[in-house]
Amino acid sequence: MTLRRLVLLRHGQTDYNTAGRMQGHIDSMLTETGRAQAAVVAPEVAQLGPDRIISSDLRRAVDTAEVVGAAANLPVKLDPRLRETNLGEWQGRTVAEIEADYPGAIAAWRSDPAWTPPGGESRIEVVRRARPVVDELDEEYADNPEGIVVMVAHGGLIAGLVCGLLGLPTSTWPSIGGMGNCRWASLARRDDHPRWRLAGYNVGA
């Protein structure tokens, strides 16, 4: 047994969230509401007793993570492998704009984890790049079986990584819903079994 608990926290509300635009790798900024959400969730996450906080290097995640890190008295380590899905030509556009240029593509993307937006990456590819972050933590925590790590990332990545860590068939991935701003998923392991189990999803004030 190595890492005991993993908390996957989504960033606070951004300007692109309020405008209804797809973000992907675009470095959008937290709104005033997003900063307030981070301030509310930070003490809740700190009470979980994390040993480490790792964040996507995109600004919306970093700014959220720094608030959480201050509450938990922990530094924040950045890892670009925790970035949101690269949405390619869709980035910065609304769903209506995408649907106008790519009829039926949004539905196909939402229903098939292997479907790739033009110039972007699929959800399967996102999990493939993010999963090694968890694998490396398992190795690092070999001597600390009570370890708790918080990762601050993005809704699409979190949903995909939860599915990947739970070993769900890709056909079932679309059944895992979205994550609200500054809400989190919690994965845990039992003492006698190394498999991850879902302890909470879309948790938060």
Protein backbone atom coordinates (compact mmCIF):
# COMPACT_ATOMS: atom_id res chain seq x y z
CA MET A 1 0.00 0.00 0.00
CA THR A 2 1.28 3.48 -0.82
CA LEU A 3 -0.74 6.66 -1.36
CA ARG A 4 -3.90 6.34 0.73
CA ARG A 5 -6.11 9.21 -0.44
CA LEU A 6 -6.26 11.48 -3.48
CA VAL A 7 -8.34 14.66 -3.62
CA LEU A 8 -8.98 16.17 -7.06
CA LEU A 9 -10.12 19.78 -6.73
CA ARG A 10 -11.43 21.84 -9.64
CA HIS A 11 -10.40 25.49 -9.92
CA GLY A 12 -12.74 28.39 -9.13
CA GLN A 13 -15.00 30.17 -11.58
CA THR A 14 -13.26 31.91 -14.49
CA ASP A 15 -14.10 34.64 -16.95
CA TYR A 16 -14.48 31.97 -19.63
CA ASN A 17 -16.88 29.99 -17.43
CA THR A 18 -19.17 33.01 -17.11
CA ALA A 19 -18.97 33.68 -20.87
CA GLY A 20 -19.75 30.04 -21.70
CA ARG A 21 -16.54 29.58 -23.65
CA MET A 22 -14.41 26.45 -23.88
CA GLN A 23 -11.09 26.94 -22.10
CA GLY A 24 -8.83 23.97 -22.70
CA HIS A 25 -5.24 25.22 -22.53
CA ILE A 26 -6.23 28.90 -22.71
CA ASP A 27 -4.94 30.65 -19.59
CA SER A 28 -8.21 32.13 -18.36
CA MET A 29 -8.45 34.03 -15.08
CA LEU A 30 -10.46 33.58 -11.92
CA THR A 31 -13.37 35.96 -11.47
CA GLU A 32 -14.12 37.68 -8.17
CA THR A 33 -16.59 34.86 -7.54
CA GLY A 34 -13.91 32.31 -8.34
CA ARG A 35 -11.51 33.85 -5.84
CA ALA A 36 -14.27 33.85 -3.21
CA GLN A 37 -14.97 30.17 -3.96
CA ALA A 38 -11.30 29.36 -3.41
CA ALA A 39 -11.33 31.20 -0.09
CA VAL A 40 -14.35 29.17 1.06
CA VAL A 41 -13.05 25.78 -0.02
CA ALA A 42 -9.48 26.26 1.20
CA PRO A 43 -10.12 25.60 4.93
CA GLU A 44 -12.31 22.61 4.05
CA VAL A 45 -9.51 21.02 2.05
CA ALA A 46 -6.92 21.97 4.67
CA GLN A 47 -8.95 20.06 7.29
CA LEU A 48 -8.43 16.88 5.28
CA GLY A 49 -4.79 17.02 6.35
CA PRO A 50 -2.99 16.84 2.99
CA ASP A 51 0.74 16.17 2.80
CA ARG A 52 1.18 17.78 -0.59
CA ILE A 53 -0.59 20.04 -3.08
CA ILE A 54 0.07 19.66 -6.80
CA SER A 55 -1.53 21.92 -9.40
CA SER A 56 -1.94 22.25 -13.12
CA ASP A 57 0.28 25.09 -14.35
CA LEU A 58 -2.65 26.97 -15.89
CA ARG A 59 -3.32 30.20 -14.01
CA ARG A 60 -6.87 29.42 -12.92
CA ALA A 61 -5.67 26.27 -11.17
CA VAL A 62 -2.52 27.87 -9.76
CA ASP A 63 -4.43 30.78 -8.22
CA THR A 64 -6.90 28.36 -6.62
CA ALA A 65 -4.13 26.07 -5.39
CA GLU A 66 -2.20 28.92 -3.79
CA VAL A 67 -5.20 29.84 -1.65
CA VAL A 68 -5.56 26.21 -0.57
CA GLY A 69 -1.82 25.94 0.04
CA ALA A 70 -1.85 28.99 2.30
CA ALA A 71 -4.69 27.49 4.36
CA ALA A 72 -2.89 24.14 4.65
CA ASN A 73 0.54 25.75 5.17
CA LEU A 74 1.91 23.82 2.20
CA PRO A 75 3.81 24.87 -0.93
CA VAL A 76 2.24 24.26 -4.32
CA LYS A 77 4.06 22.16 -6.90
CA LEU A 78 3.11 22.74 -10.54
CA ASP A 79 2.80 19.94 -13.08
CA PRO A 80 1.71 20.65 -16.69
CA ARG A 81 0.49 17.06 -17.04
CA LEU A 82 -2.54 18.12 -14.98
CA ARG A 83 -3.69 20.64 -17.59
CA GLU A 84 -7.22 20.53 -18.95
CA THR A 85 -7.97 18.77 -22.22
CA ASN A 86 -6.40 20.48 -25.22
CA LEU A 87 -9.50 21.36 -27.24
CA GLY A 88 -7.59 22.49 -30.32
CA GLU A 89 -9.71 24.59 -32.67
CA TRP A 90 -12.57 24.67 -30.17
CA GLN A 91 -10.69 26.65 -27.55
CA GLY A 92 -12.18 30.06 -26.84
CA ARG A 93 -15.46 29.25 -28.59
CA THR A 94 -18.97 28.66 -27.29
CA VAL A 95 -20.83 25.39 -27.76
CA ALA A 96 -23.23 27.15 -30.15
CA GLU A 97 -20.32 28.41 -32.27
CA ILE A 98 -18.76 24.96 -32.39
CA GLU A 99 -22.06 23.31 -33.27
CA ALA A 100 -22.53 25.77 -36.14
CA ASP A 101 -19.17 24.86 -37.68
CA TYR A 102 -19.06 21.18 -36.64
CA PRO A 103 -22.65 19.90 -36.55
CA GLY A 104 -23.03 16.94 -34.20
CA ALA A 105 -19.41 17.10 -33.02
CA ILE A 106 -20.19 18.20 -29.46
CA ALA A 107 -22.53 15.23 -28.97
CA ALA A 108 -19.91 12.87 -30.41
CA TRP A 109 -17.21 14.28 -28.12
CA ARG A 110 -19.40 14.00 -25.03
CA SER A 111 -20.39 10.41 -25.77
CA ASP A 112 -17.04 8.95 -26.86
CA PRO A 113 -13.85 9.35 -24.75
CA ALA A 114 -11.74 8.45 -27.79
CA TRP A 115 -13.22 11.25 -29.93
CA THR A 116 -10.75 14.06 -30.53
CA PRO A 117 -11.63 17.72 -31.23
CA PRO A 118 -9.82 19.04 -34.33
CA GLY A 119 -6.26 19.84 -33.35
CA GLY A 120 -6.83 18.69 -29.77
CA GLU A 121 -6.69 15.54 -27.65
CA SER A 122 -9.21 12.94 -26.53
CA ARG A 123 -10.17 12.25 -22.93
CA ILE A 124 -8.31 8.95 -23.17
CA GLU A 125 -5.16 10.85 -24.14
CA VAL A 126 -5.68 13.27 -21.24
CA VAL A 127 -5.81 10.40 -18.76
CA ARG A 128 -2.78 8.80 -20.37
CA ARG A 129 -0.67 11.92 -19.71
CA ALA A 130 -2.06 12.57 -16.20
CA ARG A 131 -2.02 9.01 -14.82
CA PRO A 132 1.79 8.92 -14.42
CA VAL A 133 1.54 11.76 -11.89
CA VAL A 134 -0.39 9.41 -9.60
CA ASP A 135 1.90 6.47 -10.37
CA GLU A 136 4.94 8.55 -9.39
CA LEU A 137 3.25 9.57 -6.14
CA ASP A 138 2.65 5.92 -5.35
CA GLU A 139 6.38 5.28 -5.62
CA GLU A 140 7.25 8.34 -3.52
CA TYR A 141 4.76 7.38 -0.81
CA ALA A 142 5.96 3.80 -0.46
CA ASP A 143 7.17 4.63 3.06
CA ASN A 144 4.14 6.75 3.99
CA PRO A 145 1.03 4.61 3.55
CA GLU A 146 -1.18 7.26 5.18
CA GLY A 147 -0.37 9.87 2.55
CA ILE A 148 -3.00 12.35 1.31
CA VAL A 149 -2.38 14.44 -1.80
CA VAL A 150 -4.52 17.25 -3.23
CA MET A 151 -4.39 17.89 -6.97
CA VAL A 152 -5.88 21.14 -8.24
CA ALA A 153 -6.92 20.75 -11.84
CA HIS A 154 -9.84 20.98 -14.27
CA GLY A 155 -13.28 19.45 -14.72
CA GLY A 156 -12.54 17.38 -17.80
CA LEU A 157 -9.25 16.06 -16.50
CA ILE A 158 -10.73 15.22 -13.10
CA ALA A 159 -13.67 13.29 -14.55
CA GLY A 160 -11.37 11.35 -16.86
CA LEU A 161 -8.75 10.62 -14.23
CA VAL A 162 -11.40 9.37 -11.79
CA CYS A 163 -12.62 6.95 -14.47
CA GLY A 164 -9.09 5.84 -15.28
CA LEU A 165 -8.06 5.28 -11.67
CA LEU A 166 -11.24 3.34 -10.93
CA GLY A 167 -10.59 1.16 -13.96
CA LEU A 168 -13.97 1.87 -15.52
CA PRO A 169 -14.55 0.71 -19.11
CA THR A 170 -14.26 3.67 -21.47
CA SER A 171 -17.83 3.06 -22.64
CA THR A 172 -19.01 4.12 -19.17
CA TRP A 173 -16.92 7.30 -18.87
CA PRO A 174 -19.66 9.62 -20.20
CA SER A 175 -21.85 8.59 -17.25
CA ILE A 176 -19.52 10.44 -14.85
CA GLY A 177 -20.88 13.98 -14.60
CA GLY A 178 -19.13 17.31 -14.54
CA MET A 179 -17.48 18.94 -11.55
CA GLY A 180 -18.61 22.28 -10.14
CA ASN A 181 -16.12 25.09 -9.58
CA CYS A 182 -14.10 24.53 -6.38
CA ARG A 183 -15.66 21.14 -5.79
CA TRP A 184 -13.68 17.95 -5.52
CA ALA A 185 -13.58 14.20 -6.02
CA SER A 186 -12.07 11.97 -3.36
CA LEU A 187 -10.47 8.60 -4.08
CA ALA A 188 -9.33 6.31 -1.29
CA ARG A 189 -7.84 2.87 -0.68
CA ARG A 190 -8.52 0.34 2.05
CA ASP A 191 -5.73 -1.05 4.19
CA ASP A 192 -6.11 -4.51 2.70
CA HIS A 193 -6.67 -3.68 -0.95
CA PRO A 194 -4.65 -1.54 -3.38
CA ARG A 195 -7.56 -0.66 -5.66
CA TRP A 196 -8.87 2.91 -5.68
CA ARG A 197 -12.50 3.43 -4.68
CA LEU A 198 -14.65 6.53 -5.05
CA ALA A 199 -15.24 8.12 -1.64
CA GLY A 200 -16.89 11.33 -2.86
CA TYR A 201 -17.67 13.24 -6.05
CA ASN A 202 -18.60 16.89 -6.60
CA VAL A 203 -18.04 17.50 -2.89
CA GLY A 204 -17.86 21.00 -1.42
CA ALA A 205 -19.73 23.95 -0.02
